[in-house]
Each structure stands twice: as C-alpha cells, then as structure tokens.
Amino acid sequence: MDSSIPERFLCPIGQTLMQNPVITSAGQTYDRVHIENWLRTKKTDPVTRAPITSTLIPNYHVKSEIDEFIRSLIWSTNMKSNRHY
C-alpha cells in the first residue's frame, strides 16, 4: 500500500488500514479485530478512556471511503502501468 494512506483510515490501535471499521459507544472508530482484542482485557475506549457500554457498530461510511480509496489506488496504478512511451 501507498504511504499516503489518510490517517483517518488507520486503526488507532494497530496503525494499519482498517478492513472492518466499527464505532464504539464512545464514538471512536477502530478496526474490529483490534478493538475486540483490546476489549478482551479492558473495558474502556483506547483513545477516550470512556467506558465501552454497547455493542460495536459497523462504520459503513468509513468502510465505503476506504474502499473508494483502494479503488482509486488500483486505478492510478493501472493507468501508470498502461502508459506507452
């Protein structure tokens, strides 16, 4: 992946591109695998430290933005490789 990944697409816990973004009851978005691992030993939001009191909710808006970002990277890469000099 490109080093120009927008920071909002990176999980604050794992610092990796989110595959399955979810929102906590504190309003923060994380990649599901990272926040579920976090919640096995802690019951607070990693960023806000607020108690997490409800189920994780899929963040479809961020997921669609990430998918569009990846499509644009693929399109850009394909266009560069198809140039004829």
Protein backbone atom coordinates (compact mmCIF):
# COMPACT_ATOMS: atom_id res chain seq x y z
CA MET A 1 0.00 0.00 0.00
CA ASP A 2 0.96 3.60 -0.51
CA SER A 3 2.46 5.62 2.35
CA SER A 4 -0.09 8.36 1.64
CA ILE A 5 -2.95 6.50 3.32
CA PRO A 6 -5.14 9.07 5.08
CA GLU A 7 -4.68 8.85 8.84
CA ARG A 8 -8.45 8.52 9.38
CA PHE A 9 -8.27 5.15 7.58
CA LEU A 10 -5.70 3.77 10.03
CA CYS A 11 -6.80 1.99 13.17
CA PRO A 12 -5.60 3.97 16.21
CA ILE A 13 -4.66 0.70 17.93
CA GLY A 14 -2.85 -1.23 15.19
CA GLN A 15 -1.89 1.70 12.92
CA THR A 16 -2.97 -0.41 9.93
CA LEU A 17 -5.51 0.21 7.20
CA MET A 18 -8.91 -0.74 8.63
CA GLN A 19 -10.57 -3.73 6.99
CA ASN A 20 -13.72 -3.79 9.11
CA PRO A 21 -14.19 -0.40 10.82
CA VAL A 22 -16.54 -0.26 13.80
CA ILE A 23 -17.67 2.52 16.14
CA THR A 24 -17.54 2.20 19.93
CA SER A 25 -20.10 3.70 22.30
CA ALA A 26 -17.53 6.47 22.87
CA GLY A 27 -17.84 7.43 19.19
CA GLN A 28 -14.38 6.31 18.07
CA THR A 29 -13.71 4.12 15.03
CA TYR A 30 -11.36 1.12 15.13
CA ASP A 31 -10.71 -1.97 13.06
CA ARG A 32 -12.91 -4.70 14.54
CA VAL A 33 -10.10 -7.22 15.10
CA HIS A 34 -8.00 -4.70 17.05
CA ILE A 35 -10.79 -3.34 19.26
CA GLU A 36 -12.12 -6.84 20.00
CA ASN A 37 -8.62 -7.89 21.10
CA TRP A 38 -8.37 -4.72 23.23
CA LEU A 39 -11.74 -5.39 24.86
CA ARG A 40 -10.72 -8.89 25.94
CA THR A 41 -8.69 -7.32 28.75
CA LYS A 42 -10.02 -3.76 29.04
CA LYS A 43 -13.50 -2.24 29.10
CA THR A 44 -12.59 1.31 28.10
CA ASP A 45 -12.14 3.06 24.78
CA PRO A 46 -8.39 3.18 23.93
CA VAL A 47 -8.49 6.83 22.81
CA THR A 48 -11.04 8.46 25.11
CA ARG A 49 -10.72 6.04 28.06
CA ALA A 50 -14.52 6.22 28.37
CA PRO A 51 -16.26 3.01 29.38
CA ILE A 52 -17.48 0.98 26.41
CA THR A 53 -21.10 0.24 27.17
CA SER A 54 -22.61 -1.14 23.99
CA THR A 55 -22.10 -3.36 21.00
CA LEU A 56 -19.63 -2.34 18.31
CA ILE A 57 -21.44 -0.82 15.34
CA PRO A 58 -20.16 -1.22 11.76
CA ASN A 59 -18.95 2.10 10.35
CA TYR A 60 -20.24 1.75 6.79
CA HIS A 61 -19.33 5.32 5.89
CA VAL A 62 -15.64 4.87 6.69
CA LYS A 63 -15.66 1.42 5.04
CA SER A 64 -17.01 2.91 1.80
CA GLU A 65 -14.41 5.71 1.92
CA ILE A 66 -11.62 3.14 2.39
CA ASP A 67 -12.97 1.00 -0.46
CA GLU A 68 -13.07 4.05 -2.74
CA PHE A 69 -9.52 5.00 -1.72
CA ILE A 70 -8.28 1.49 -2.58
CA ARG A 71 -10.12 1.54 -5.93
CA SER A 72 -8.51 4.88 -6.78
CA LEU A 73 -5.06 3.49 -5.92
CA ILE A 74 -5.66 0.46 -8.14
CA TRP A 75 -6.95 2.66 -10.96
CA SER A 76 -3.97 5.00 -10.64
CA THR A 77 -1.52 2.09 -10.61
CA ASN A 78 -3.18 0.53 -13.67
CA MET A 79 -3.07 3.84 -15.56
CA LYS A 80 0.64 4.24 -14.81
CA SER A 81 1.45 0.71 -15.95
CA ASN A 82 -0.53 1.14 -19.19
CA ARG A 83 1.33 4.24 -20.34
CA HIS A 84 3.23 3.86 -23.57
CA TYR A 85 6.29 5.96 -24.15
